[in-house]
Amino acid sequence: MVTNTVATWRIKKGVTKAHLARQVGVARSYMTKLERGTMQPSGEMMFRIARYLGRPLEEVFQHSQTTTTKASFVGLK
């Protein structure tokens, strides 16, 4: 599972969810779900968002391991 700090960096940048969504090519509702953690973004979308926010991918998206899942960001760079 991937967790994120999109809302934190978005607010620090001074942009709305709607603006960020337009900039990366998704609906505002997608951004709402992403920030709440109910939407898992694709690798491409993680890169788009991090790039727009001007932050390294690892500062915006974090891998949250569970006892049953051992997935990682390997191959996303």
PDB file of N, CA and C in Angstrom:
ATOM      1  N   MET A   1       0.845  -1.180   0.000  1.00  0.00           N
ATOM      2  CA  MET A   1       0.000   0.000   0.000  1.00  0.00           C
ATOM      3  C   MET A   1       0.888   1.239   0.000  1.00  0.00           C
ATOM      4  N   VAL A   2       0.448   2.242  -0.723  1.00  0.00           N
ATOM      5  CA  VAL A   2       1.189   3.497  -0.811  1.00  0.00           C
ATOM      6  C   VAL A   2       0.440   4.558  -0.023  1.00  0.00           C
ATOM      7  N   THR A   3       1.155   5.246   0.857  1.00  0.00           N
ATOM      8  CA  THR A   3       0.584   6.387   1.561  1.00  0.00           C
ATOM      9  C   THR A   3       1.195   7.644   0.946  1.00  0.00           C
ATOM     10  N   ASN A   4       0.599   8.799   1.247  1.00  0.00           N
ATOM     11  CA  ASN A   4       1.119  10.004   0.619  1.00  0.00           C
ATOM     12  C   ASN A   4       0.963  11.245   1.486  1.00  0.00           C
ATOM     13  N   THR A   5       1.727  12.255   1.109  1.00  0.00           N
ATOM     14  CA  THR A   5       1.665  13.563   1.756  1.00  0.00           C
ATOM     15  C   THR A   5       1.286  14.623   0.715  1.00  0.00           C
ATOM     16  N   VAL A   6       0.471  14.221  -0.254  1.00  0.00           N
ATOM     17  CA  VAL A   6       0.072  15.127  -1.336  1.00  0.00           C
ATOM     18  C   VAL A   6      -0.590  16.383  -0.777  1.00  0.00           C
ATOM     19  N   ALA A   7      -1.525  16.223   0.143  1.00  0.00           N
ATOM     20  CA  ALA A   7      -2.236  17.388   0.689  1.00  0.00           C
ATOM     21  C   ALA A   7      -1.273  18.375   1.345  1.00  0.00           C
ATOM     22  N   THR A   8      -0.319  17.865   2.094  1.00  0.00           N
ATOM     23  CA  THR A   8       0.660  18.727   2.766  1.00  0.00           C
ATOM     24  C   THR A   8       1.435  19.558   1.761  1.00  0.00           C
ATOM     25  N   TRP A   9       1.996  18.911   0.736  1.00  0.00           N
ATOM     26  CA  TRP A   9       2.802  19.624  -0.251  1.00  0.00           C
ATOM     27  C   TRP A   9       1.936  20.520  -1.133  1.00  0.00           C
ATOM     28  N   ARG A  10       0.713  20.091  -1.423  1.00  0.00           N
ATOM     29  CA  ARG A  10      -0.202  20.908  -2.224  1.00  0.00           C
ATOM     30  C   ARG A  10      -0.521  22.206  -1.499  1.00  0.00           C
ATOM     31  N   ILE A  11      -0.816  22.110  -0.217  1.00  0.00           N
ATOM     32  CA  ILE A  11      -1.136  23.293   0.583  1.00  0.00           C
ATOM     33  C   ILE A  11       0.080  24.209   0.697  1.00  0.00           C
ATOM     34  N   LYS A  12       1.264  23.621   0.915  1.00  0.00           N
ATOM     35  CA  LYS A  12       2.489  24.433   0.989  1.00  0.00           C
ATOM     36  C   LYS A  12       2.749  25.163  -0.318  1.00  0.00           C
ATOM     37  N   LYS A  13       2.379  24.552  -1.440  1.00  0.00           N
ATOM     38  CA  LYS A  13       2.553  25.179  -2.749  1.00  0.00           C
ATOM     39  C   LYS A  13       1.465  26.234  -2.992  1.00  0.00           C
ATOM     40  N   GLY A  14       0.387  26.166  -2.213  1.00  0.00           N
ATOM     41  CA  GLY A  14      -0.685  27.148  -2.331  1.00  0.00           C
ATOM     42  C   GLY A  14      -1.654  26.906  -3.469  1.00  0.00           C
ATOM     43  N   VAL A  15      -1.892  25.627  -3.790  1.00  0.00           N
ATOM     44  CA  VAL A  15      -2.834  25.300  -4.864  1.00  0.00           C
ATOM     45  C   VAL A  15      -3.995  24.464  -4.329  1.00  0.00           C
ATOM     46  N   THR A  16      -5.106  24.555  -5.007  1.00  0.00           N
ATOM     47  CA  THR A  16      -6.289  23.780  -4.625  1.00  0.00           C
ATOM     48  C   THR A  16      -6.204  22.374  -5.208  1.00  0.00           C
ATOM     49  N   LYS A  17      -7.062  21.499  -4.700  1.00  0.00           N
ATOM     50  CA  LYS A  17      -7.147  20.150  -5.264  1.00  0.00           C
ATOM     51  C   LYS A  17      -7.549  20.213  -6.726  1.00  0.00           C
ATOM     52  N   ALA A  18      -8.485  21.098  -7.026  1.00  0.00           N
ATOM     53  CA  ALA A  18      -8.961  21.225  -8.407  1.00  0.00           C
ATOM     54  C   ALA A  18      -7.832  21.656  -9.332  1.00  0.00           C
ATOM     55  N   HIS A  19      -7.021  22.602  -8.891  1.00  0.00           N
ATOM     56  CA  HIS A  19      -5.914  23.076  -9.725  1.00  0.00           C
ATOM     57  C   HIS A  19      -4.890  21.958  -9.939  1.00  0.00           C
ATOM     58  N   LEU A  20      -4.499  21.287  -8.874  1.00  0.00           N
ATOM     59  CA  LEU A  20      -3.542  20.192  -8.995  1.00  0.00           C
ATOM     60  C   LEU A  20      -4.091  19.108  -9.919  1.00  0.00           C
ATOM     61  N   ALA A  21      -5.356  18.781  -9.748  1.00  0.00           N
ATOM     62  CA  ALA A  21      -5.979  17.756 -10.594  1.00  0.00           C
ATOM     63  C   ALA A  21      -5.899  18.140 -12.071  1.00  0.00           C
ATOM     64  N   ARG A  22      -6.216  19.388 -12.401  1.00  0.00           N
ATOM     65  CA  ARG A  22      -6.133  19.839 -13.795  1.00  0.00           C
ATOM     66  C   ARG A  22      -4.706  19.738 -14.316  1.00  0.00           C
ATOM     67  N   GLN A  23      -3.746  20.116 -13.496  1.00  0.00           N
ATOM     68  CA  GLN A  23      -2.344  20.117 -13.926  1.00  0.00           C
ATOM     69  C   GLN A  23      -1.807  18.723 -14.230  1.00  0.00           C
ATOM     70  N   VAL A  24      -2.303  17.726 -13.520  1.00  0.00           N
ATOM     71  CA  VAL A  24      -1.812  16.358 -13.742  1.00  0.00           C
ATOM     72  C   VAL A  24      -2.771  15.503 -14.568  1.00  0.00           C
ATOM     73  N   GLY A  25      -3.908  16.076 -14.961  1.00  0.00           N
ATOM     74  CA  GLY A  25      -4.822  15.392 -15.875  1.00  0.00           C
ATOM     75  C   GLY A  25      -5.797  14.412 -15.269  1.00  0.00           C
ATOM     76  N   VAL A  26      -6.284  14.719 -14.061  1.00  0.00           N
ATOM     77  CA  VAL A  26      -7.297  13.866 -13.443  1.00  0.00           C
ATOM     78  C   VAL A  26      -8.446  14.737 -12.925  1.00  0.00           C
ATOM     79  N   ALA A  27      -9.513  14.093 -12.486  1.00  0.00           N
ATOM     80  CA  ALA A  27     -10.655  14.805 -11.910  1.00  0.00           C
ATOM     81  C   ALA A  27     -10.353  15.206 -10.467  1.00  0.00           C
ATOM     82  N   ARG A  28     -11.021  16.249  -9.997  1.00  0.00           N
ATOM     83  CA  ARG A  28     -10.863  16.689  -8.615  1.00  0.00           C
ATOM     84  C   ARG A  28     -11.215  15.555  -7.650  1.00  0.00           C
ATOM     85  N   SER A  29     -12.221  14.769  -7.982  1.00  0.00           N
ATOM     86  CA  SER A  29     -12.630  13.658  -7.117  1.00  0.00           C
ATOM     87  C   SER A  29     -11.507  12.634  -6.968  1.00  0.00           C
ATOM     88  N   TYR A  30     -10.707  12.453  -8.014  1.00  0.00           N
ATOM     89  CA  TYR A  30      -9.551  11.556  -7.936  1.00  0.00           C
ATOM     90  C   TYR A  30      -8.583  12.069  -6.879  1.00  0.00           C
ATOM     91  N   MET A  31      -8.303  13.386  -6.890  1.00  0.00           N
ATOM     92  CA  MET A  31      -7.373  13.970  -5.926  1.00  0.00           C
ATOM     93  C   MET A  31      -7.904  13.822  -4.504  1.00  0.00           C
ATOM     94  N   THR A  32      -9.199  14.009  -4.330  1.00  0.00           N
ATOM     95  CA  THR A  32      -9.806  13.847  -3.009  1.00  0.00           C
ATOM     96  C   THR A  32      -9.591  12.425  -2.501  1.00  0.00           C
ATOM     97  N   LYS A  33      -9.879  11.445  -3.345  1.00  0.00           N
ATOM     98  CA  LYS A  33      -9.693  10.039  -2.958  1.00  0.00           C
ATOM     99  C   LYS A  33      -8.225   9.726  -2.695  1.00  0.00           C
ATOM    100  N   LEU A  34      -7.344  10.276  -3.517  1.00  0.00           N
ATOM    101  CA  LEU A  34      -5.915  10.044  -3.342  1.00  0.00           C
ATOM    102  C   LEU A  34      -5.439  10.604  -2.001  1.00  0.00           C
ATOM    103  N   GLU A  35      -5.815  11.844  -1.707  1.00  0.00           N
ATOM    104  CA  GLU A  35      -5.397  12.466  -0.450  1.00  0.00           C
ATOM    105  C   GLU A  35      -5.972  11.749   0.764  1.00  0.00           C
ATOM    106  N   ARG A  36      -7.149  11.183   0.648  1.00  0.00           N
ATOM    107  CA  ARG A  36      -7.767  10.433   1.756  1.00  0.00           C
ATOM    108  C   ARG A  36      -7.187   9.030   1.894  1.00  0.00           C
ATOM    109  N   GLY A  37      -6.476   8.574   0.878  1.00  0.00           N
ATOM    110  CA  GLY A  37      -5.895   7.245   0.922  1.00  0.00           C
ATOM    111  C   GLY A  37      -6.810   6.142   0.434  1.00  0.00           C
ATOM    112  N   THR A  38      -7.902   6.506  -0.230  1.00  0.00           N
ATOM    113  CA  THR A  38      -8.815   5.489  -0.749  1.00  0.00           C
ATOM    114  C   THR A  38      -8.551   5.178  -2.218  1.00  0.00           C
ATOM    115  N   MET A  39      -7.597   5.877  -2.825  1.00  0.00           N
ATOM    116  CA  MET A  39      -7.221   5.656  -4.222  1.00  0.00           C
ATOM    117  C   MET A  39      -5.727   5.389  -4.266  1.00  0.00           C
ATOM    118  N   GLN A  40      -5.334   4.321  -4.935  1.00  0.00           N
ATOM    119  CA  GLN A  40      -3.920   4.007  -5.110  1.00  0.00           C
ATOM    120  C   GLN A  40      -3.510   4.487  -6.505  1.00  0.00           C
ATOM    121  N   PRO A  41      -2.562   5.429  -6.588  1.00  0.00           N
ATOM    122  CA  PRO A  41      -2.172   5.967  -7.888  1.00  0.00           C
ATOM    123  C   PRO A  41      -1.250   5.021  -8.662  1.00  0.00           C
ATOM    124  N   SER A  42      -1.250   5.201  -9.968  1.00  0.00           N
ATOM    125  CA  SER A  42      -0.304   4.452 -10.803  1.00  0.00           C
ATOM    126  C   SER A  42       1.081   5.061 -10.607  1.00  0.00           C
ATOM    127  N   GLY A  43       2.102   4.349 -11.035  1.00  0.00           N
ATOM    128  CA  GLY A  43       3.459   4.873 -10.959  1.00  0.00           C
ATOM    129  C   GLY A  43       3.591   6.170 -11.736  1.00  0.00           C
ATOM    130  N   GLU A  44       3.010   6.213 -12.923  1.00  0.00           N
ATOM    131  CA  GLU A  44       3.063   7.420 -13.746  1.00  0.00           C
ATOM    132  C   GLU A  44       2.413   8.598 -13.034  1.00  0.00           C
ATOM    133  N   MET A  45       1.267   8.350 -12.398  1.00  0.00           N
ATOM    134  CA  MET A  45       0.571   9.440 -11.711  1.00  0.00           C
ATOM    135  C   MET A  45       1.381   9.932 -10.511  1.00  0.00           C
ATOM    136  N   MET A  46       2.025   9.029  -9.804  1.00  0.00           N
ATOM    137  CA  MET A  46       2.876   9.459  -8.686  1.00  0.00           C
ATOM    138  C   MET A  46       3.975  10.395  -9.187  1.00  0.00           C
ATOM    139  N   PHE A  47       4.595  10.049 -10.317  1.00  0.00           N
ATOM    140  CA  PHE A  47       5.646  10.903 -10.874  1.00  0.00           C
ATOM    141  C   PHE A  47       5.090  12.259 -11.297  1.00  0.00           C
ATOM    142  N   ARG A  48       3.928  12.267 -11.946  1.00  0.00           N
ATOM    143  CA  ARG A  48       3.327  13.540 -12.384  1.00  0.00           C
ATOM    144  C   ARG A  48       3.067  14.469 -11.201  1.00  0.00           C
ATOM    145  N   ILE A  49       2.480  13.901 -10.155  1.00  0.00           N
ATOM    146  CA  ILE A  49       2.135  14.705  -8.980  1.00  0.00           C
ATOM    147  C   ILE A  49       3.388  15.226  -8.289  1.00  0.00           C
ATOM    148  N   ALA A  50       4.352  14.355  -8.053  1.00  0.00           N
ATOM    149  CA  ALA A  50       5.592  14.776  -7.395  1.00  0.00           C
ATOM    150  C   ALA A  50       6.305  15.842  -8.214  1.00  0.00           C
ATOM    151  N   ARG A  51       6.345  15.661  -9.527  1.00  0.00           N
ATOM    152  CA  ARG A  51       7.001  16.636 -10.401  1.00  0.00           C
ATOM    153  C   ARG A  51       6.305  17.991 -10.308  1.00  0.00           C
ATOM    154  N   TYR A  52       4.969  17.992 -10.378  1.00  0.00           N
ATOM    155  CA  TYR A  52       4.246  19.258 -10.298  1.00  0.00           C
ATOM    156  C   TYR A  52       4.478  19.943  -8.943  1.00  0.00           C
ATOM    157  N   LEU A  53       4.498  19.158  -7.883  1.00  0.00           N
ATOM    158  CA  LEU A  53       4.706  19.724  -6.548  1.00  0.00           C
ATOM    159  C   LEU A  53       6.154  20.144  -6.311  1.00  0.00           C
ATOM    160  N   GLY A  54       7.058  19.727  -7.202  1.00  0.00           N
ATOM    161  CA  GLY A  54       8.460  20.091  -7.077  1.00  0.00           C
ATOM    162  C   GLY A  54       9.180  19.360  -5.954  1.00  0.00           C
ATOM    163  N   ARG A  55       8.719  18.157  -5.660  1.00  0.00           N
ATOM    164  CA  ARG A  55       9.280  17.360  -4.562  1.00  0.00           C
ATOM    165  C   ARG A  55       9.752  16.021  -5.100  1.00  0.00           C
ATOM    166  N   PRO A  56      10.745  15.424  -4.457  1.00  0.00           N
ATOM    167  CA  PRO A  56      11.149  14.058  -4.839  1.00  0.00           C
ATOM    168  C   PRO A  56       9.999  13.076  -4.579  1.00  0.00           C
ATOM    169  N   LEU A  57       9.917  12.069  -5.410  1.00  0.00           N
ATOM    170  CA  LEU A  57       8.854  11.062  -5.289  1.00  0.00           C
ATOM    171  C   LEU A  57       8.754  10.519  -3.871  1.00  0.00           C
ATOM    172  N   GLU A  58       9.900  10.249  -3.251  1.00  0.00           N
ATOM    173  CA  GLU A  58       9.922   9.644  -1.916  1.00  0.00           C
ATOM    174  C   GLU A  58       9.387  10.581  -0.831  1.00  0.00           C
ATOM    175  N   GLU A  59       9.376  11.876  -1.073  1.00  0.00           N
ATOM    176  CA  GLU A  59       8.818  12.814  -0.096  1.00  0.00           C
ATOM    177  C   GLU A  59       7.296  12.895  -0.193  1.00  0.00           C
ATOM    178  N   VAL A  60       6.763  12.558  -1.345  1.00  0.00           N
ATOM    179  CA  VAL A  60       5.315  12.664  -1.566  1.00  0.00           C
ATOM    180  C   VAL A  60       4.615  11.328  -1.369  1.00  0.00           C
ATOM    181  N   PHE A  61       5.258  10.252  -1.790  1.00  0.00           N
ATOM    182  CA  PHE A  61       4.653   8.915  -1.683  1.00  0.00           C
ATOM    183  C   PHE A  61       5.565   7.997  -0.899  1.00  0.00           C
ATOM    184  N   GLN A  62       4.980   7.260   0.044  1.00  0.00           N
ATOM    185  CA  GLN A  62       5.733   6.341   0.878  1.00  0.00           C
ATOM    186  C   GLN A  62       5.102   4.959   0.802  1.00  0.00           C
ATOM    187  N   HIS A  63       5.946   3.977   0.847  1.00  0.00           N
ATOM    188  CA  HIS A  63       5.467   2.599   0.854  1.00  0.00           C
ATOM    189  C   HIS A  63       5.156   2.209   2.289  1.00  0.00           C
ATOM    190  N   SER A  64       3.970   1.701   2.515  1.00  0.00           N
ATOM    191  CA  SER A  64       3.553   1.274   3.844  1.00  0.00           C
ATOM    192  C   SER A  64       3.428  -0.237   3.827  1.00  0.00           C
ATOM    193  N   GLN A  65       4.395  -0.934   4.409  1.00  0.00           N
ATOM    194  CA  GLN A  65       4.360  -2.396   4.400  1.00  0.00           C
ATOM    195  C   GLN A  65       3.377  -2.926   5.424  1.00  0.00           C
ATOM    196  N   THR A  66       2.724  -3.990   5.042  1.00  0.00           N
ATOM    197  CA  THR A  66       1.873  -4.722   5.978  1.00  0.00           C
ATOM    198  C   THR A  66       2.509  -6.096   6.171  1.00  0.00           C
ATOM    199  N   THR A  67       1.971  -6.865   7.052  1.00  0.00           N
ATOM    200  CA  THR A  67       2.539  -8.193   7.293  1.00  0.00           C
ATOM    201  C   THR A  67       2.301  -9.133   6.118  1.00  0.00           C
ATOM    202  N   THR A  68       1.312  -8.840   5.269  1.00  0.00           N
ATOM    203  CA  THR A  68       1.014  -9.728   4.151  1.00  0.00           C
ATOM    204  C   THR A  68       1.573  -9.216   2.834  1.00  0.00           C
ATOM    205  N   THR A  69       1.955  -7.944   2.757  1.00  0.00           N
ATOM    206  CA  THR A  69       2.436  -7.365   1.499  1.00  0.00           C
ATOM    207  C   THR A  69       3.868  -6.901   1.653  1.00  0.00           C
ATOM    208  N   LYS A  70       4.713  -7.291   0.749  1.00  0.00           N
ATOM    209  CA  LYS A  70       6.116  -6.885   0.769  1.00  0.00           C
ATOM    210  C   LYS A  70       6.480  -6.109  -0.504  1.00  0.00           C
ATOM    211  N   ALA A  71       5.504  -5.497  -1.178  1.00  0.00           N
ATOM    212  CA  ALA A  71       5.774  -4.742  -2.407  1.00  0.00           C
ATOM    213  C   ALA A  71       6.630  -3.524  -2.102  1.00  0.00           C
ATOM    214  N   SER A  72       7.327  -3.036  -3.113  1.00  0.00           N
ATOM    215  CA  SER A  72       8.176  -1.856  -2.923  1.00  0.00           C
ATOM    216  C   SER A  72       8.166  -1.006  -4.178  1.00  0.00           C
ATOM    217  N   PHE A  73       8.905   0.107  -4.111  1.00  0.00           N
ATOM    218  CA  PHE A  73       9.016   1.016  -5.249  1.00  0.00           C
ATOM    219  C   PHE A  73      10.054   0.534  -6.261  1.00  0.00           C
ATOM    220  N   VAL A  74      10.598  -0.650  -6.096  1.00  0.00           N
ATOM    221  CA  VAL A  74      11.597  -1.175  -7.016  1.00  0.00           C
ATOM    222  C   VAL A  74      11.023  -1.165  -8.423  1.00  0.00           C
ATOM    223  N   GLY A  75      11.771  -0.615  -9.342  1.00  0.00           N
ATOM    224  CA  GLY A  75      11.327  -0.581 -10.731  1.00  0.00           C
ATOM    225  C   GLY A  75      10.550   0.670 -11.087  1.00  0.00           C
ATOM    226  N   LEU A  76      10.212   1.512 -10.122  1.00  0.00           N
ATOM    227  CA  LEU A  76       9.473   2.727 -10.416  1.00  0.00           C
ATOM    228  C   LEU A  76      10.387   3.899 -10.758  1.00  0.00           C
ATOM    229  N   LYS A  77      11.655   3.778 -10.455  1.00  0.00           N
ATOM    230  CA  LYS A  77      12.565   4.900 -10.731  1.00  0.00           C
ATOM    231  C   LYS A  77      13.047   4.864 -12.146  1.00  0.00           C
TER     232      LYS A  77
END
